[in-house]
């Protein structure tokens, strides 16, 4: 990964590079750069959710990820929370023989 981390485009980072907020945004972007695609979506989605109203737009500005990507990450986190305790997603696994074969007739 020779690519430099994304440069935040928020007003705080553009006006004062040494501020605590700018430093926090740089650290977020350094971490995001190390994650794989799914982890990146979910991590930034979590940060956006924690930020509350306008969080998706704010995180898009900080990380350079598209708003739809961040929203997808939030959805993945909510889905994972709803399926807690499951190994596979709903509908995963082998089909029941009754569904698989229409000619099956239990005695």
PDB file of N, CA and C in Angstrom:
ATOM      1  N   UNK A   1       0.819  -1.173   0.000  1.00  0.00           N
ATOM      2  CA  UNK A   1       0.000   0.000   0.000  1.00  0.00           C
ATOM      3  C   UNK A   1       0.871   1.249   0.000  1.00  0.00           C
ATOM      4  N   UNK A   2       1.259   1.686  -1.143  1.00  0.00           N
ATOM      5  CA  UNK A   2       2.088   2.866  -1.264  1.00  0.00           C
ATOM      6  C   UNK A   2       1.267   4.140  -1.370  1.00  0.00           C
ATOM      7  N   UNK A   3      -0.025   3.994  -1.452  1.00  0.00           N
ATOM      8  CA  UNK A   3      -0.910   5.127  -1.606  1.00  0.00           C
ATOM      9  C   UNK A   3      -0.993   5.915  -0.301  1.00  0.00           C
ATOM     10  N   UNK A   4      -0.928   7.246  -0.410  1.00  0.00           N
ATOM     11  CA  UNK A   4      -1.039   8.100   0.775  1.00  0.00           C
ATOM     12  C   UNK A   4      -2.489   8.119   1.256  1.00  0.00           C
ATOM     13  N   UNK A   5      -2.685   8.309   2.566  1.00  0.00           N
ATOM     14  CA  UNK A   5      -4.057   8.382   3.077  1.00  0.00           C
ATOM     15  C   UNK A   5      -4.805   9.569   2.466  1.00  0.00           C
ATOM     16  N   UNK A   6      -6.119   9.453   2.429  1.00  0.00           N
ATOM     17  CA  UNK A   6      -6.978  10.507   1.893  1.00  0.00           C
ATOM     18  C   UNK A   6      -6.815  11.774   2.727  1.00  0.00           C
ATOM     19  N   UNK A   7      -6.783  12.915   2.084  1.00  0.00           N
ATOM     20  CA  UNK A   7      -6.710  14.205   2.759  1.00  0.00           C
ATOM     21  C   UNK A   7      -8.126  14.701   3.014  1.00  0.00           C
ATOM     22  N   UNK A   8      -8.479  14.870   4.263  1.00  0.00           N
ATOM     23  CA  UNK A   8      -9.807  15.340   4.641  1.00  0.00           C
ATOM     24  C   UNK A   8     -10.068  16.711   4.025  1.00  0.00           C
ATOM     25  N   UNK A   9     -11.303  16.911   3.565  1.00  0.00           N
ATOM     26  CA  UNK A   9     -11.675  18.165   2.912  1.00  0.00           C
ATOM     27  C   UNK A   9     -12.533  19.065   3.797  1.00  0.00           C
ATOM     28  N   UNK A  10     -12.622  18.767   5.092  1.00  0.00           N
ATOM     29  CA  UNK A  10     -13.454  19.598   5.967  1.00  0.00           C
ATOM     30  C   UNK A  10     -12.774  20.942   6.219  1.00  0.00           C
ATOM     31  N   UNK A  11     -13.559  21.904   6.647  1.00  0.00           N
ATOM     32  CA  UNK A  11     -13.057  23.264   6.881  1.00  0.00           C
ATOM     33  C   UNK A  11     -11.988  23.264   7.960  1.00  0.00           C
ATOM     34  N   UNK A  12     -12.169  22.470   9.003  1.00  0.00           N
ATOM     35  CA  UNK A  12     -11.205  22.421  10.107  1.00  0.00           C
ATOM     36  C   UNK A  12      -9.826  21.970   9.631  1.00  0.00           C
ATOM     37  N   UNK A  13      -9.801  20.953   8.787  1.00  0.00           N
ATOM     38  CA  UNK A  13      -8.523  20.420   8.303  1.00  0.00           C
ATOM     39  C   UNK A  13      -7.861  21.365   7.304  1.00  0.00           C
ATOM     40  N   UNK A  14      -8.658  22.025   6.477  1.00  0.00           N
ATOM     41  CA  UNK A  14      -8.088  22.944   5.493  1.00  0.00           C
ATOM     42  C   UNK A  14      -7.570  24.225   6.132  1.00  0.00           C
ATOM     43  N   UNK A  15      -8.185  24.680   7.215  1.00  0.00           N
ATOM     44  CA  UNK A  15      -7.777  25.945   7.820  1.00  0.00           C
ATOM     45  C   UNK A  15      -6.616  25.781   8.795  1.00  0.00           C
ATOM     46  N   UNK A  16      -6.605  24.691   9.568  1.00  0.00           N
ATOM     47  CA  UNK A  16      -5.559  24.523  10.572  1.00  0.00           C
ATOM     48  C   UNK A  16      -5.115  23.067  10.627  1.00  0.00           C
ATOM     49  N   UNK A  17      -4.013  22.776   9.969  1.00  0.00           N
ATOM     50  CA  UNK A  17      -3.530  21.394   9.868  1.00  0.00           C
ATOM     51  C   UNK A  17      -3.051  20.807  11.191  1.00  0.00           C
ATOM     52  N   UNK A  18      -2.677  21.654  12.140  1.00  0.00           N
ATOM     53  CA  UNK A  18      -2.138  21.155  13.405  1.00  0.00           C
ATOM     54  C   UNK A  18      -3.203  20.999  14.484  1.00  0.00           C
ATOM     55  N   UNK A  19      -4.455  21.246  14.171  1.00  0.00           N
ATOM     56  CA  UNK A  19      -5.510  21.159  15.189  1.00  0.00           C
ATOM     57  C   UNK A  19      -5.752  19.704  15.592  1.00  0.00           C
ATOM     58  N   UNK A  20      -6.382  19.550  16.758  1.00  0.00           N
ATOM     59  CA  UNK A  20      -6.691  18.210  17.260  1.00  0.00           C
ATOM     60  C   UNK A  20      -7.681  17.508  16.338  1.00  0.00           C
ATOM     61  N   UNK A  21      -8.622  18.260  15.784  1.00  0.00           N
ATOM     62  CA  UNK A  21      -9.604  17.675  14.870  1.00  0.00           C
ATOM     63  C   UNK A  21      -8.919  17.176  13.603  1.00  0.00           C
ATOM     64  N   UNK A  22      -8.019  17.975  13.049  1.00  0.00           N
ATOM     65  CA  UNK A  22      -7.293  17.569  11.841  1.00  0.00           C
ATOM     66  C   UNK A  22      -6.451  16.326  12.102  1.00  0.00           C
ATOM     67  N   UNK A  23      -5.848  16.255  13.275  1.00  0.00           N
ATOM     68  CA  UNK A  23      -5.041  15.091  13.631  1.00  0.00           C
ATOM     69  C   UNK A  23      -5.931  13.845  13.761  1.00  0.00           C
ATOM     70  N   UNK A  24      -7.107  14.010  14.363  1.00  0.00           N
ATOM     71  CA  UNK A  24      -8.045  12.893  14.488  1.00  0.00           C
ATOM     72  C   UNK A  24      -8.479  12.395  13.108  1.00  0.00           C
ATOM     73  N   UNK A  25      -8.758  13.306  12.191  1.00  0.00           N
ATOM     74  CA  UNK A  25      -9.171  12.934  10.836  1.00  0.00           C
ATOM     75  C   UNK A  25      -8.048  12.211  10.098  1.00  0.00           C
ATOM     76  N   UNK A  26      -6.815  12.642  10.288  1.00  0.00           N
ATOM     77  CA  UNK A  26      -5.670  11.949   9.665  1.00  0.00           C
ATOM     78  C   UNK A  26      -5.541  10.527  10.206  1.00  0.00           C
ATOM     79  N   UNK A  27      -5.736  10.360  11.513  1.00  0.00           N
ATOM     80  CA  UNK A  27      -5.642   9.019  12.106  1.00  0.00           C
ATOM     81  C   UNK A  27      -6.767   8.117  11.598  1.00  0.00           C
ATOM     82  N   UNK A  28      -7.970   8.666  11.462  1.00  0.00           N
ATOM     83  CA  UNK A  28      -9.085   7.890  10.908  1.00  0.00           C
ATOM     84  C   UNK A  28      -8.726   7.422   9.506  1.00  0.00           C
ATOM     85  N   UNK A  29      -8.206   8.330   8.676  1.00  0.00           N
ATOM     86  CA  UNK A  29      -7.870   7.973   7.297  1.00  0.00           C
ATOM     87  C   UNK A  29      -6.712   6.985   7.211  1.00  0.00           C
ATOM     88  N   UNK A  30      -5.768   7.059   8.136  1.00  0.00           N
ATOM     89  CA  UNK A  30      -4.686   6.077   8.158  1.00  0.00           C
ATOM     90  C   UNK A  30      -5.228   4.690   8.492  1.00  0.00           C
ATOM     91  N   UNK A  31      -6.144   4.617   9.441  1.00  0.00           N
ATOM     92  CA  UNK A  31      -6.745   3.334   9.806  1.00  0.00           C
ATOM     93  C   UNK A  31      -7.609   2.800   8.674  1.00  0.00           C
ATOM     94  N   UNK A  32      -8.423   3.658   8.079  1.00  0.00           N
ATOM     95  CA  UNK A  32      -9.304   3.249   6.974  1.00  0.00           C
ATOM     96  C   UNK A  32      -8.481   2.672   5.830  1.00  0.00           C
ATOM     97  N   UNK A  33      -7.328   3.238   5.595  1.00  0.00           N
ATOM     98  CA  UNK A  33      -6.443   2.774   4.524  1.00  0.00           C
ATOM     99  C   UNK A  33      -5.965   1.340   4.739  1.00  0.00           C
ATOM    100  N   UNK A  34      -5.859   0.911   6.003  1.00  0.00           N
ATOM    101  CA  UNK A  34      -5.364  -0.432   6.319  1.00  0.00           C
ATOM    102  C   UNK A  34      -6.445  -1.506   6.258  1.00  0.00           C
ATOM    103  N   UNK A  35      -7.713  -1.110   6.284  1.00  0.00           N
ATOM    104  CA  UNK A  35      -8.808  -2.070   6.326  1.00  0.00           C
ATOM    105  C   UNK A  35      -9.169  -2.569   4.935  1.00  0.00           C
ATOM    106  N   UNK A  36      -9.785  -3.750   4.879  1.00  0.00           N
ATOM    107  CA  UNK A  36     -10.277  -4.222   3.591  1.00  0.00           C
ATOM    108  C   UNK A  36     -11.598  -3.515   3.289  1.00  0.00           C
ATOM    109  N   UNK A  37     -12.155  -3.757   2.132  1.00  0.00           N
ATOM    110  CA  UNK A  37     -13.330  -3.019   1.661  1.00  0.00           C
ATOM    111  C   UNK A  37     -14.528  -3.129   2.607  1.00  0.00           C
ATOM    112  N   UNK A  38     -14.841  -4.326   3.042  1.00  0.00           N
ATOM    113  CA  UNK A  38     -15.995  -4.540   3.923  1.00  0.00           C
ATOM    114  C   UNK A  38     -15.757  -3.896   5.285  1.00  0.00           C
ATOM    115  N   UNK A  39     -14.580  -4.097   5.843  1.00  0.00           N
ATOM    116  CA  UNK A  39     -14.257  -3.512   7.135  1.00  0.00           C
ATOM    117  C   UNK A  39     -14.300  -1.988   7.063  1.00  0.00           C
ATOM    118  N   UNK A  40     -13.815  -1.440   5.960  1.00  0.00           N
ATOM    119  CA  UNK A  40     -13.817   0.013   5.754  1.00  0.00           C
ATOM    120  C   UNK A  40     -15.249   0.553   5.779  1.00  0.00           C
ATOM    121  N   UNK A  41     -16.136  -0.089   5.029  1.00  0.00           N
ATOM    122  CA  UNK A  41     -17.546   0.336   4.998  1.00  0.00           C
ATOM    123  C   UNK A  41     -18.156   0.306   6.382  1.00  0.00           C
ATOM    124  N   UNK A  42     -17.938  -0.796   7.093  1.00  0.00           N
ATOM    125  CA  UNK A  42     -18.559  -0.969   8.398  1.00  0.00           C
ATOM    126  C   UNK A  42     -17.972  -0.031   9.444  1.00  0.00           C
ATOM    127  N   UNK A  43     -16.667   0.184   9.428  1.00  0.00           N
ATOM    128  CA  UNK A  43     -16.028   1.085  10.388  1.00  0.00           C
ATOM    129  C   UNK A  43     -16.506   2.516  10.187  1.00  0.00           C
ATOM    130  N   UNK A  44     -16.503   2.975   8.958  1.00  0.00           N
ATOM    131  CA  UNK A  44     -16.933   4.344   8.686  1.00  0.00           C
ATOM    132  C   UNK A  44     -18.439   4.471   8.926  1.00  0.00           C
ATOM    133  N   UNK A  45     -19.208   3.418   8.636  1.00  0.00           N
ATOM    134  CA  UNK A  45     -20.632   3.420   8.948  1.00  0.00           C
ATOM    135  C   UNK A  45     -20.881   3.559  10.439  1.00  0.00           C
ATOM    136  N   UNK A  46     -20.076   2.884  11.242  1.00  0.00           N
ATOM    137  CA  UNK A  46     -20.185   2.984  12.695  1.00  0.00           C
ATOM    138  C   UNK A  46     -19.871   4.399  13.164  1.00  0.00           C
ATOM    139  N   UNK A  47     -18.801   4.981  12.638  1.00  0.00           N
ATOM    140  CA  UNK A  47     -18.449   6.348  13.016  1.00  0.00           C
ATOM    141  C   UNK A  47     -19.547   7.337  12.618  1.00  0.00           C
ATOM    142  N   UNK A  48     -20.136   7.118  11.452  1.00  0.00           N
ATOM    143  CA  UNK A  48     -21.215   7.996  10.995  1.00  0.00           C
ATOM    144  C   UNK A  48     -22.430   7.868  11.898  1.00  0.00           C
ATOM    145  N   UNK A  49     -22.727   6.659  12.322  1.00  0.00           N
ATOM    146  CA  UNK A  49     -23.868   6.434  13.216  1.00  0.00           C
ATOM    147  C   UNK A  49     -23.623   7.108  14.564  1.00  0.00           C
ATOM    148  N   UNK A  50     -22.411   7.017  15.063  1.00  0.00           N
ATOM    149  CA  UNK A  50     -22.063   7.651  16.327  1.00  0.00           C
ATOM    150  C   UNK A  50     -22.154   9.174  16.229  1.00  0.00           C
ATOM    151  N   UNK A  51     -21.871   9.723  15.058  1.00  0.00           N
ATOM    152  CA  UNK A  51     -21.912  11.174  14.868  1.00  0.00           C
ATOM    153  C   UNK A  51     -23.343  11.702  14.858  1.00  0.00           C
ATOM    154  N   UNK A  52     -24.309  10.832  14.578  1.00  0.00           N
ATOM    155  CA  UNK A  52     -25.711  11.250  14.581  1.00  0.00           C
ATOM    156  C   UNK A  52     -26.126  11.894  13.270  1.00  0.00           C
ATOM    157  N   UNK A  53     -27.084  12.826  13.345  1.00  0.00           N
ATOM    158  CA  UNK A  53     -27.626  13.473  12.154  1.00  0.00           C
ATOM    159  C   UNK A  53     -26.501  14.152  11.362  1.00  0.00           C
ATOM    160  N   UNK A  54     -26.434  13.862  10.074  1.00  0.00           N
ATOM    161  CA  UNK A  54     -25.389  14.423   9.216  1.00  0.00           C
ATOM    162  C   UNK A  54     -24.087  13.654   9.259  1.00  0.00           C
ATOM    163  N   UNK A  55     -24.076  12.542   9.986  1.00  0.00           N
ATOM    164  CA  UNK A  55     -22.855  11.764  10.156  1.00  0.00           C
ATOM    165  C   UNK A  55     -22.352  11.146   8.867  1.00  0.00           C
ATOM    166  N   UNK A  56     -23.265  10.700   8.018  1.00  0.00           N
ATOM    167  CA  UNK A  56     -22.848  10.093   6.746  1.00  0.00           C
ATOM    168  C   UNK A  56     -22.149  11.137   5.880  1.00  0.00           C
ATOM    169  N   UNK A  57     -22.741  12.310   5.768  1.00  0.00           N
ATOM    170  CA  UNK A  57     -22.144  13.378   4.963  1.00  0.00           C
ATOM    171  C   UNK A  57     -20.785  13.781   5.535  1.00  0.00           C
ATOM    172  N   UNK A  58     -20.718  13.901   6.845  1.00  0.00           N
ATOM    173  CA  UNK A  58     -19.468  14.303   7.514  1.00  0.00           C
ATOM    174  C   UNK A  58     -18.372  13.266   7.273  1.00  0.00           C
ATOM    175  N   UNK A  59     -18.697  11.977   7.435  1.00  0.00           N
ATOM    176  CA  UNK A  59     -17.692  10.936   7.235  1.00  0.00           C
ATOM    177  C   UNK A  59     -17.292  10.810   5.771  1.00  0.00           C
ATOM    178  N   UNK A  60     -18.220  11.092   4.859  1.00  0.00           N
ATOM    179  CA  UNK A  60     -17.881  11.095   3.437  1.00  0.00           C
ATOM    180  C   UNK A  60     -16.862  12.186   3.154  1.00  0.00           C
ATOM    181  N   UNK A  61     -17.033  13.323   3.783  1.00  0.00           N
ATOM    182  CA  UNK A  61     -16.105  14.434   3.600  1.00  0.00           C
ATOM    183  C   UNK A  61     -14.737  14.106   4.210  1.00  0.00           C
ATOM    184  N   UNK A  62     -14.737  13.453   5.352  1.00  0.00           N
ATOM    185  CA  UNK A  62     -13.483  13.131   6.039  1.00  0.00           C
ATOM    186  C   UNK A  62     -12.717  12.017   5.326  1.00  0.00           C
ATOM    187  N   UNK A  63     -13.427  10.960   4.907  1.00  0.00           N
ATOM    188  CA  UNK A  63     -12.745   9.770   4.374  1.00  0.00           C
ATOM    189  C   UNK A  63     -12.688   9.685   2.855  1.00  0.00           C
ATOM    190  N   UNK A  64     -13.559  10.423   2.176  1.00  0.00           N
ATOM    191  CA  UNK A  64     -13.610  10.340   0.718  1.00  0.00           C
ATOM    192  C   UNK A  64     -14.455   9.193   0.211  1.00  0.00           C
ATOM    193  N   UNK A  65     -15.078   8.427   1.109  1.00  0.00           N
ATOM    194  CA  UNK A  65     -15.975   7.355   0.687  1.00  0.00           C
ATOM    195  C   UNK A  65     -17.309   7.953   0.253  1.00  0.00           C
ATOM    196  N   UNK A  66     -17.978   7.300  -0.660  1.00  0.00           N
ATOM    197  CA  UNK A  66     -19.278   7.765  -1.140  1.00  0.00           C
ATOM    198  C   UNK A  66     -20.326   7.574  -0.045  1.00  0.00           C
ATOM    199  N   UNK A  67     -21.311   8.455  -0.015  1.00  0.00           N
ATOM    200  CA  UNK A  67     -22.373   8.374   1.001  1.00  0.00           C
ATOM    201  C   UNK A  67     -23.104   7.040   0.948  1.00  0.00           C
ATOM    202  N   UNK A  68     -23.341   6.529  -0.256  1.00  0.00           N
ATOM    203  CA  UNK A  68     -24.043   5.242  -0.397  1.00  0.00           C
ATOM    204  C   UNK A  68     -23.214   4.101   0.189  1.00  0.00           C
ATOM    205  N   UNK A  69     -21.906   4.181   0.069  1.00  0.00           N
ATOM    206  CA  UNK A  69     -21.020   3.156   0.621  1.00  0.00           C
ATOM    207  C   UNK A  69     -21.096   3.161   2.143  1.00  0.00           C
ATOM    208  N   UNK A  70     -21.117   4.356   2.722  1.00  0.00           N
ATOM    209  CA  UNK A  70     -21.191   4.475   4.177  1.00  0.00           C
ATOM    210  C   UNK A  70     -22.546   3.980   4.672  1.00  0.00           C
ATOM    211  N   UNK A  71     -23.604   4.339   3.962  1.00  0.00           N
ATOM    212  CA  UNK A  71     -24.949   3.876   4.333  1.00  0.00           C
ATOM    213  C   UNK A  71     -25.035   2.357   4.237  1.00  0.00           C
ATOM    214  N   UNK A  72     -24.385   1.775   3.242  1.00  0.00           N
ATOM    215  CA  UNK A  72     -24.367   0.316   3.101  1.00  0.00           C
ATOM    216  C   UNK A  72     -23.666  -0.327   4.293  1.00  0.00           C
ATOM    217  N   UNK A  73     -22.575   0.284   4.736  1.00  0.00           N
ATOM    218  CA  UNK A  73     -21.866  -0.216   5.912  1.00  0.00           C
ATOM    219  C   UNK A  73     -22.724  -0.170   7.149  1.00  0.00           C
ATOM    220  N   UNK A  74     -23.507   0.893   7.303  1.00  0.00           N
ATOM    221  CA  UNK A  74     -24.429   0.984   8.436  1.00  0.00           C
ATOM    222  C   UNK A  74     -25.477  -0.124   8.357  1.00  0.00           C
ATOM    223  N   UNK A  75     -25.983  -0.363   7.159  1.00  0.00           N
ATOM    224  CA  UNK A  75     -26.966  -1.432   6.977  1.00  0.00           C
ATOM    225  C   UNK A  75     -26.395  -2.790   7.297  1.00  0.00           C
ATOM    226  N   UNK A  76     -25.151  -3.031   6.910  1.00  0.00           N
ATOM    227  CA  UNK A  76     -24.502  -4.313   7.216  1.00  0.00           C
ATOM    228  C   UNK A  76     -24.364  -4.501   8.722  1.00  0.00           C
ATOM    229  N   UNK A  77     -24.048  -3.416   9.436  1.00  0.00           N
ATOM    230  CA  UNK A  77     -23.918  -3.507  10.890  1.00  0.00           C
ATOM    231  C   UNK A  77     -25.266  -3.796  11.543  1.00  0.00           C
ATOM    232  N   UNK A  78     -26.321  -3.147  11.071  1.00  0.00           N
ATOM    233  CA  UNK A  78     -27.655  -3.380  11.625  1.00  0.00           C
ATOM    234  C   UNK A  78     -28.121  -4.802  11.334  1.00  0.00           C
ATOM    235  N   UNK A  79     -27.819  -5.283  10.131  1.00  0.00           N
ATOM    236  CA  UNK A  79     -28.192  -6.647   9.752  1.00  0.00           C
ATOM    237  C   UNK A  79     -27.449  -7.663  10.605  1.00  0.00           C
ATOM    238  N   UNK A  80     -26.184  -7.406  10.849  1.00  0.00           N
ATOM    239  CA  UNK A  80     -25.384  -8.320  11.670  1.00  0.00           C
ATOM    240  C   UNK A  80     -25.904  -8.342  13.097  1.00  0.00           C
ATOM    241  N   UNK A  81     -26.354  -7.194  13.586  1.00  0.00           N
ATOM    242  CA  UNK A  81     -26.891  -7.117  14.936  1.00  0.00           C
ATOM    243  C   UNK A  81     -28.215  -7.872  15.035  1.00  0.00           C
ATOM    244  N   UNK A  82     -29.030  -7.796  13.985  1.00  0.00           N
ATOM    245  CA  UNK A  82     -30.319  -8.485  13.975  1.00  0.00           C
ATOM    246  C   UNK A  82     -30.136 -10.003  13.922  1.00  0.00           C
ATOM    247  N   UNK A  83     -29.075 -10.448  13.293  1.00  0.00           N
ATOM    248  CA  UNK A  83     -28.831 -11.887  13.132  1.00  0.00           C
ATOM    249  C   UNK A  83     -27.823 -12.407  14.138  1.00  0.00           C
ATOM    250  N   UNK A  84     -27.658 -11.704  15.245  1.00  0.00           N
ATOM    251  CA  UNK A  84     -26.697 -12.111  16.250  1.00  0.00           C
ATOM    252  C   UNK A  84     -27.026 -13.516  16.739  1.00  0.00           C
ATOM    253  N   UNK A  85     -26.026 -14.333  16.866  1.00  0.00           N
ATOM    254  CA  UNK A  85     -26.228 -15.708  17.309  1.00  0.00           C
ATOM    255  C   UNK A  85     -26.376 -16.682  16.159  1.00  0.00           C
ATOM    256  N   UNK A  86     -26.544 -16.172  14.955  1.00  0.00           N
ATOM    257  CA  UNK A  86     -26.667 -17.035  13.779  1.00  0.00           C
ATOM    258  C   UNK A  86     -25.286 -17.227  13.164  1.00  0.00           C
ATOM    259  N   UNK A  87     -25.050 -18.372  12.597  1.00  0.00           N
ATOM    260  CA  UNK A  87     -23.804 -18.623  11.888  1.00  0.00           C
ATOM    261  C   UNK A  87     -23.951 -18.204  10.438  1.00  0.00           C
ATOM    262  N   UNK A  88     -25.099 -18.527   9.874  1.00  0.00           N
ATOM    263  CA  UNK A  88     -25.368 -18.159   8.485  1.00  0.00           C
ATOM    264  C   UNK A  88     -26.506 -17.154   8.443  1.00  0.00           C
ATOM    265  N   UNK A  89     -26.571 -16.436   7.327  1.00  0.00           N
ATOM    266  CA  UNK A  89     -27.686 -15.519   7.137  1.00  0.00           C
ATOM    267  C   UNK A  89     -28.978 -16.299   6.986  1.00  0.00           C
ATOM    268  N   UNK A  90     -30.099 -15.645   7.244  1.00  0.00           N
ATOM    269  CA  UNK A  90     -31.408 -16.258   7.087  1.00  0.00           C
ATOM    270  C   UNK A  90     -31.540 -16.829   5.676  1.00  0.00           C
ATOM    271  N   UNK A  91     -31.953 -18.071   5.560  1.00  0.00           N
ATOM    272  CA  UNK A  91     -32.102 -18.711   4.251  1.00  0.00           C
ATOM    273  C   UNK A  91     -30.861 -19.463   3.810  1.00  0.00           C
ATOM    274  N   UNK A  92     -29.773 -19.348   4.553  1.00  0.00           N
ATOM    275  CA  UNK A  92     -28.549 -20.052   4.194  1.00  0.00           C
ATOM    276  C   UNK A  92     -28.627 -21.511   4.609  1.00  0.00           C
ATOM    277  N   UNK A  93     -27.807 -22.319   4.017  1.00  0.00           N
ATOM    278  CA  UNK A  93     -27.780 -23.734   4.377  1.00  0.00           C
ATOM    279  C   UNK A  93     -28.560 -24.595   3.411  1.00  0.00           C
ATOM    280  N   UNK A  94     -28.684 -25.838   3.755  1.00  0.00           N
ATOM    281  CA  UNK A  94     -29.338 -26.813   2.899  1.00  0.00           C
ATOM    282  C   UNK A  94     -30.850 -26.640   2.936  1.00  0.00           C
ATOM    283  N   UNK A  95     -31.476 -26.793   1.779  1.00  0.00           N
ATOM    284  CA  UNK A  95     -32.936 -26.698   1.718  1.00  0.00           C
ATOM    285  C   UNK A  95     -33.572 -27.945   2.314  1.00  0.00           C
ATOM    286  N   UNK A  96     -34.753 -27.760   2.890  1.00  0.00           N
ATOM    287  CA  UNK A  96     -35.501 -28.908   3.395  1.00  0.00           C
ATOM    288  C   UNK A  96     -35.950 -29.750   2.211  1.00  0.00           C
ATOM    289  N   UNK A  97     -36.055 -31.038   2.401  1.00  0.00           N
ATOM    290  CA  UNK A  97     -36.423 -31.925   1.298  1.00  0.00           C
ATOM    291  C   UNK A  97     -37.817 -31.598   0.757  1.00  0.00           C
ATOM    292  N   UNK A  98     -38.708 -31.099   1.633  1.00  0.00           N
ATOM    293  CA  UNK A  98     -40.052 -30.738   1.181  1.00  0.00           C
ATOM    294  C   UNK A  98     -39.997 -29.583   0.171  1.00  0.00           C
ATOM    295  N   UNK A  99     -39.093 -28.671   0.355  1.00  0.00           N
ATOM    296  CA  UNK A  99     -38.969 -27.542  -0.555  1.00  0.00           C
ATOM    297  C   UNK A  99     -38.199 -27.938  -1.818  1.00  0.00           C
ATOM    298  N   UNK A 100     -37.264 -28.842  -1.648  1.00  0.00           N
ATOM    299  CA  UNK A 100     -36.389 -29.234  -2.748  1.00  0.00           C
ATOM    300  C   UNK A 100     -37.116 -30.091  -3.778  1.00  0.00           C
ATOM    301  N   UNK A 101     -37.903 -31.014  -3.316  1.00  0.00           N
ATOM    302  CA  UNK A 101     -38.566 -31.942  -4.201  1.00  0.00           C
ATOM    303  C   UNK A 101     -40.081 -31.770  -4.104  1.00  0.00           C
ATOM    304  N   UNK A 102     -40.705 -31.466  -5.219  1.00  0.00           N
ATOM    305  CA  UNK A 102     -42.154 -31.297  -5.216  1.00  0.00           C
ATOM    306  C   UNK A 102     -42.880 -32.633  -5.172  1.00  0.00           C
ATOM    307  N   UNK A 103     -42.201 -33.682  -5.571  1.00  0.00           N
ATOM    308  CA  UNK A 103     -42.842 -34.991  -5.596  1.00  0.00           C
ATOM    309  C   UNK A 103     -42.764 -35.688  -4.243  1.00  0.00           C
ATOM    310  N   UNK A 104     -42.067 -35.094  -3.274  1.00  0.00           N
ATOM    311  CA  UNK A 104     -41.954 -35.707  -1.958  1.00  0.00           C
ATOM    312  C   UNK A 104     -43.315 -35.662  -1.265  1.00  0.00           C
ATOM    313  N   UNK A 105     -43.738 -36.808  -0.769  1.00  0.00           N
ATOM    314  CA  UNK A 105     -45.038 -36.902  -0.108  1.00  0.00           C
ATOM    315  C   UNK A 105     -44.840 -37.717   1.172  1.00  0.00           C
ATOM    316  N   UNK A 106     -44.851 -37.058   2.341  1.00  0.00           N
ATOM    317  CA  UNK A 106     -44.647 -37.808   3.584  1.00  0.00           C
ATOM    318  C   UNK A 106     -45.835 -38.730   3.861  1.00  0.00           C
ATOM    319  N   UNK A 107     -45.556 -39.881   4.407  1.00  0.00           N
ATOM    320  CA  UNK A 107     -46.593 -40.890   4.685  1.00  0.00           C
ATOM    321  C   UNK A 107     -47.248 -40.671   6.019  1.00  0.00           C
TER     322      UNK A 107
END
